[in-house]
């Protein structure tokens, strides 16, 4: 068991490249589970945001929830905000 833990700790330092578009919803085609094994941050118009559901770097937008409102399937209602988007590893 220690060999498996050692192998995973060495691969933890190798972080995958951040994609152009990423979503936290596992049902989305833009969800990449390997990215969420690491702590990532999103900077929108110069300020770090902690409530981003989805982003697109090339198109310059993020999706954030609107309050605590959810749809009939329990997913948060989101709004698209346009501006300068930067994704990074913390």
N, C-alpha and C. Protein backbone atom coordinates (compact mmCIF):
# COMPACT_ATOMS: atom_id res chain seq x y z
N UNK A 1 0.81 -1.18 0.00
CA UNK A 1 0.00 0.00 0.00
C UNK A 1 0.86 1.25 0.00
N UNK A 2 2.00 1.23 0.60
CA UNK A 2 2.83 2.43 0.63
C UNK A 2 3.38 2.76 -0.75
N UNK A 3 3.60 1.73 -1.60
CA UNK A 3 4.08 2.01 -2.94
C UNK A 3 3.02 2.76 -3.76
N UNK A 4 1.76 2.40 -3.60
CA UNK A 4 0.69 3.07 -4.32
C UNK A 4 0.56 4.52 -3.83
N UNK A 5 0.71 4.73 -2.52
CA UNK A 5 0.63 6.09 -1.98
C UNK A 5 1.81 6.93 -2.45
N UNK A 6 2.98 6.32 -2.54
CA UNK A 6 4.16 7.05 -3.01
C UNK A 6 4.00 7.43 -4.47
N UNK A 7 3.43 6.54 -5.27
CA UNK A 7 3.24 6.84 -6.69
C UNK A 7 2.22 7.97 -6.86
N UNK A 8 1.17 7.98 -6.04
CA UNK A 8 0.17 9.03 -6.19
C UNK A 8 0.71 10.37 -5.71
N UNK A 9 1.62 10.38 -4.73
CA UNK A 9 2.16 11.65 -4.26
C UNK A 9 3.12 12.25 -5.28
N UNK A 10 3.83 11.42 -6.04
CA UNK A 10 4.71 11.97 -7.07
C UNK A 10 3.90 12.48 -8.25
N UNK A 11 2.77 11.83 -8.57
CA UNK A 11 1.95 12.30 -9.68
C UNK A 11 1.14 13.52 -9.28
N UNK A 12 1.00 13.80 -7.97
CA UNK A 12 0.26 14.96 -7.51
C UNK A 12 0.99 16.25 -7.87
N UNK A 13 2.32 16.18 -8.00
CA UNK A 13 3.07 17.38 -8.37
C UNK A 13 2.93 17.68 -9.85
N UNK A 14 2.59 16.67 -10.66
CA UNK A 14 2.38 16.87 -12.09
C UNK A 14 0.92 17.26 -12.31
N UNK A 15 0.70 18.54 -12.49
CA UNK A 15 -0.67 19.03 -12.66
C UNK A 15 -1.01 19.11 -14.14
N UNK A 16 -2.21 18.65 -14.52
CA UNK A 16 -2.61 18.74 -15.93
C UNK A 16 -2.83 20.20 -16.32
N UNK A 17 -2.68 20.47 -17.59
CA UNK A 17 -2.91 21.82 -18.09
C UNK A 17 -4.38 22.19 -17.94
N UNK A 18 -4.63 23.43 -17.58
CA UNK A 18 -6.01 23.88 -17.42
C UNK A 18 -6.65 24.03 -18.79
N UNK A 19 -7.85 23.47 -18.98
CA UNK A 19 -8.51 23.56 -20.29
C UNK A 19 -9.08 24.94 -20.56
N UNK A 20 -9.42 25.19 -21.81
CA UNK A 20 -10.03 26.46 -22.20
C UNK A 20 -11.41 26.61 -21.57
N UNK A 21 -12.13 25.51 -21.45
CA UNK A 21 -13.48 25.55 -20.86
C UNK A 21 -13.59 24.43 -19.83
N UNK A 22 -14.15 24.76 -18.66
CA UNK A 22 -14.25 23.79 -17.58
C UNK A 22 -15.54 24.02 -16.81
N UNK A 23 -16.17 22.91 -16.40
CA UNK A 23 -17.42 22.97 -15.65
C UNK A 23 -17.31 22.09 -14.41
N UNK A 24 -17.96 22.49 -13.32
CA UNK A 24 -17.97 21.69 -12.10
C UNK A 24 -19.04 20.61 -12.13
N UNK A 25 -19.98 20.70 -13.07
CA UNK A 25 -21.07 19.73 -13.19
C UNK A 25 -20.54 18.43 -13.81
N UNK A 26 -20.59 17.30 -13.09
CA UNK A 26 -20.07 16.03 -13.63
C UNK A 26 -20.80 15.55 -14.89
N UNK A 27 -22.02 16.02 -15.13
CA UNK A 27 -22.77 15.60 -16.31
C UNK A 27 -22.39 16.41 -17.55
N UNK A 28 -21.64 17.48 -17.37
CA UNK A 28 -21.27 18.34 -18.49
C UNK A 28 -20.14 17.70 -19.31
N UNK A 29 -20.14 17.91 -20.63
CA UNK A 29 -19.03 17.40 -21.45
C UNK A 29 -17.73 18.17 -21.20
N UNK A 30 -17.80 19.29 -20.49
CA UNK A 30 -16.62 20.09 -20.19
C UNK A 30 -16.08 19.84 -18.79
N UNK A 31 -16.54 18.79 -18.14
CA UNK A 31 -16.06 18.42 -16.81
C UNK A 31 -14.85 17.51 -16.94
N UNK A 32 -13.75 17.88 -16.27
CA UNK A 32 -12.53 17.07 -16.27
C UNK A 32 -12.21 16.77 -14.81
N UNK A 33 -12.42 15.52 -14.40
CA UNK A 33 -12.27 15.14 -13.00
C UNK A 33 -10.83 15.29 -12.51
N UNK A 34 -9.85 15.06 -13.38
CA UNK A 34 -8.44 15.15 -12.98
C UNK A 34 -8.06 16.57 -12.56
N UNK A 35 -8.69 17.56 -13.11
CA UNK A 35 -8.41 18.95 -12.75
C UNK A 35 -8.86 19.23 -11.32
N UNK A 36 -9.99 18.66 -10.91
CA UNK A 36 -10.55 18.95 -9.60
C UNK A 36 -9.84 18.20 -8.47
N UNK A 37 -8.85 17.38 -8.79
CA UNK A 37 -8.03 16.78 -7.76
C UNK A 37 -7.06 17.81 -7.17
N UNK A 38 -6.89 18.93 -7.85
CA UNK A 38 -6.02 20.01 -7.41
C UNK A 38 -6.87 21.24 -7.11
N UNK A 39 -6.33 22.15 -6.32
CA UNK A 39 -7.04 23.37 -5.97
C UNK A 39 -6.82 24.40 -7.08
N UNK A 40 -7.90 24.81 -7.75
CA UNK A 40 -7.77 25.80 -8.82
C UNK A 40 -8.49 27.08 -8.41
N UNK A 41 -8.08 28.17 -9.03
CA UNK A 41 -8.70 29.45 -8.76
C UNK A 41 -9.09 30.13 -10.06
N UNK A 42 -10.07 31.01 -9.98
CA UNK A 42 -10.54 31.77 -11.13
C UNK A 42 -10.48 33.25 -10.77
N UNK A 43 -9.81 34.02 -11.61
CA UNK A 43 -9.76 35.47 -11.44
C UNK A 43 -10.60 36.08 -12.56
N UNK A 44 -11.61 36.87 -12.17
CA UNK A 44 -12.53 37.49 -13.12
C UNK A 44 -12.43 39.00 -12.97
N UNK A 45 -12.03 39.68 -14.04
CA UNK A 45 -11.83 41.13 -14.03
C UNK A 45 -10.93 41.58 -12.88
N UNK A 46 -9.87 40.81 -12.62
CA UNK A 46 -8.89 41.19 -11.61
C UNK A 46 -9.21 40.75 -10.19
N UNK A 47 -10.40 40.19 -9.94
CA UNK A 47 -10.76 39.74 -8.59
C UNK A 47 -10.95 38.23 -8.60
N UNK A 48 -10.48 37.57 -7.55
CA UNK A 48 -10.65 36.12 -7.45
C UNK A 48 -12.08 35.80 -7.05
N UNK A 49 -12.68 34.84 -7.78
CA UNK A 49 -14.06 34.42 -7.52
C UNK A 49 -14.03 32.99 -6.98
N UNK A 50 -14.91 32.72 -6.02
CA UNK A 50 -14.97 31.40 -5.41
C UNK A 50 -16.28 30.68 -5.72
N UNK A 51 -17.16 31.30 -6.51
CA UNK A 51 -18.48 30.73 -6.78
C UNK A 51 -18.69 30.39 -8.25
N UNK A 52 -17.63 30.17 -9.00
CA UNK A 52 -17.73 29.92 -10.44
C UNK A 52 -18.16 28.48 -10.70
N UNK A 53 -19.21 28.30 -11.48
CA UNK A 53 -19.72 26.98 -11.86
C UNK A 53 -19.07 26.50 -13.16
N UNK A 54 -18.78 27.43 -14.08
CA UNK A 54 -18.21 27.09 -15.37
C UNK A 54 -17.49 28.32 -15.92
N UNK A 55 -16.43 28.09 -16.71
CA UNK A 55 -15.74 29.22 -17.33
C UNK A 55 -15.28 28.86 -18.72
N UNK A 56 -15.01 29.90 -19.53
CA UNK A 56 -14.42 29.75 -20.85
C UNK A 56 -13.40 30.87 -21.01
N UNK A 57 -12.13 30.50 -21.15
CA UNK A 57 -11.06 31.49 -21.26
C UNK A 57 -11.10 32.23 -22.59
N UNK A 58 -11.26 31.49 -23.70
CA UNK A 58 -11.18 32.11 -25.02
C UNK A 58 -12.35 33.06 -25.29
N UNK A 59 -13.54 32.73 -24.80
CA UNK A 59 -14.70 33.58 -25.02
C UNK A 59 -14.86 34.63 -23.94
N UNK A 60 -14.14 34.48 -22.81
CA UNK A 60 -14.15 35.48 -21.75
C UNK A 60 -15.44 35.56 -20.96
N UNK A 61 -15.91 34.43 -20.43
CA UNK A 61 -17.11 34.44 -19.60
C UNK A 61 -17.01 33.41 -18.48
N UNK A 62 -17.82 33.63 -17.44
CA UNK A 62 -17.98 32.67 -16.34
C UNK A 62 -19.46 32.52 -16.08
N UNK A 63 -19.83 31.41 -15.47
CA UNK A 63 -21.21 31.19 -15.01
C UNK A 63 -21.17 31.10 -13.49
N UNK A 64 -22.00 31.90 -12.84
CA UNK A 64 -22.08 31.91 -11.38
C UNK A 64 -23.54 31.73 -10.97
N UNK A 65 -23.78 31.11 -9.81
CA UNK A 65 -25.16 30.91 -9.36
C UNK A 65 -25.82 32.24 -8.97
N UNK A 66 -27.14 32.28 -9.14
CA UNK A 66 -27.93 33.45 -8.76
C UNK A 66 -28.54 33.15 -7.39
N UNK A 67 -27.91 33.62 -6.36
CA UNK A 67 -28.40 33.37 -5.00
C UNK A 67 -28.45 31.89 -4.68
N UNK A 68 -29.49 31.48 -3.99
CA UNK A 68 -29.66 30.07 -3.62
C UNK A 68 -30.77 29.41 -4.42
N UNK A 69 -31.17 30.05 -5.51
CA UNK A 69 -32.25 29.54 -6.35
C UNK A 69 -31.80 28.32 -7.12
N UNK A 70 -32.64 27.28 -7.14
CA UNK A 70 -32.33 26.06 -7.89
C UNK A 70 -33.47 25.75 -8.85
N UNK A 71 -33.16 25.00 -9.90
CA UNK A 71 -34.21 24.60 -10.83
C UNK A 71 -34.91 23.34 -10.29
N UNK A 72 -35.83 22.80 -11.05
CA UNK A 72 -36.62 21.67 -10.56
C UNK A 72 -35.81 20.39 -10.42
N UNK A 73 -34.61 20.36 -10.99
CA UNK A 73 -33.73 19.20 -10.84
C UNK A 73 -32.69 19.39 -9.75
N UNK A 74 -32.74 20.53 -9.05
CA UNK A 74 -31.86 20.78 -7.93
C UNK A 74 -30.54 21.44 -8.29
N UNK A 75 -30.36 21.81 -9.56
CA UNK A 75 -29.14 22.49 -9.98
C UNK A 75 -29.31 24.00 -9.79
N UNK A 76 -28.24 24.70 -9.47
CA UNK A 76 -28.37 26.15 -9.27
C UNK A 76 -28.68 26.88 -10.57
N UNK A 77 -29.50 27.92 -10.46
CA UNK A 77 -29.76 28.80 -11.59
C UNK A 77 -28.52 29.68 -11.74
N UNK A 78 -27.99 29.78 -12.96
CA UNK A 78 -26.75 30.53 -13.16
C UNK A 78 -26.96 31.68 -14.14
N UNK A 79 -26.03 32.63 -14.07
CA UNK A 79 -26.01 33.75 -14.99
C UNK A 79 -24.60 33.82 -15.59
N UNK A 80 -24.53 34.20 -16.86
CA UNK A 80 -23.25 34.32 -17.55
C UNK A 80 -22.76 35.75 -17.44
N UNK A 81 -21.52 35.91 -16.94
CA UNK A 81 -20.89 37.22 -16.84
C UNK A 81 -19.72 37.27 -17.81
N UNK A 82 -19.59 38.35 -18.57
CA UNK A 82 -18.51 38.48 -19.53
C UNK A 82 -17.45 39.44 -19.01
N UNK A 83 -16.19 39.10 -19.29
CA UNK A 83 -15.07 39.92 -18.86
C UNK A 83 -13.76 39.16 -19.04
N UNK A 84 -12.73 39.60 -18.37
CA UNK A 84 -11.41 38.96 -18.44
C UNK A 84 -11.36 37.80 -17.46
N UNK A 85 -11.06 36.60 -17.96
CA UNK A 85 -11.05 35.40 -17.14
C UNK A 85 -9.64 34.81 -17.12
N UNK A 86 -9.15 34.48 -15.93
CA UNK A 86 -7.86 33.81 -15.76
C UNK A 86 -8.06 32.61 -14.85
N UNK A 87 -7.55 31.47 -15.26
CA UNK A 87 -7.61 30.25 -14.43
C UNK A 87 -6.18 29.91 -14.00
N UNK A 88 -6.03 29.46 -12.74
CA UNK A 88 -4.70 29.15 -12.22
C UNK A 88 -4.79 28.10 -11.12
N UNK A 89 -3.65 27.45 -10.86
CA UNK A 89 -3.55 26.53 -9.73
C UNK A 89 -3.10 27.33 -8.52
N UNK A 90 -3.71 27.03 -7.38
CA UNK A 90 -3.30 27.71 -6.13
C UNK A 90 -2.13 26.99 -5.52
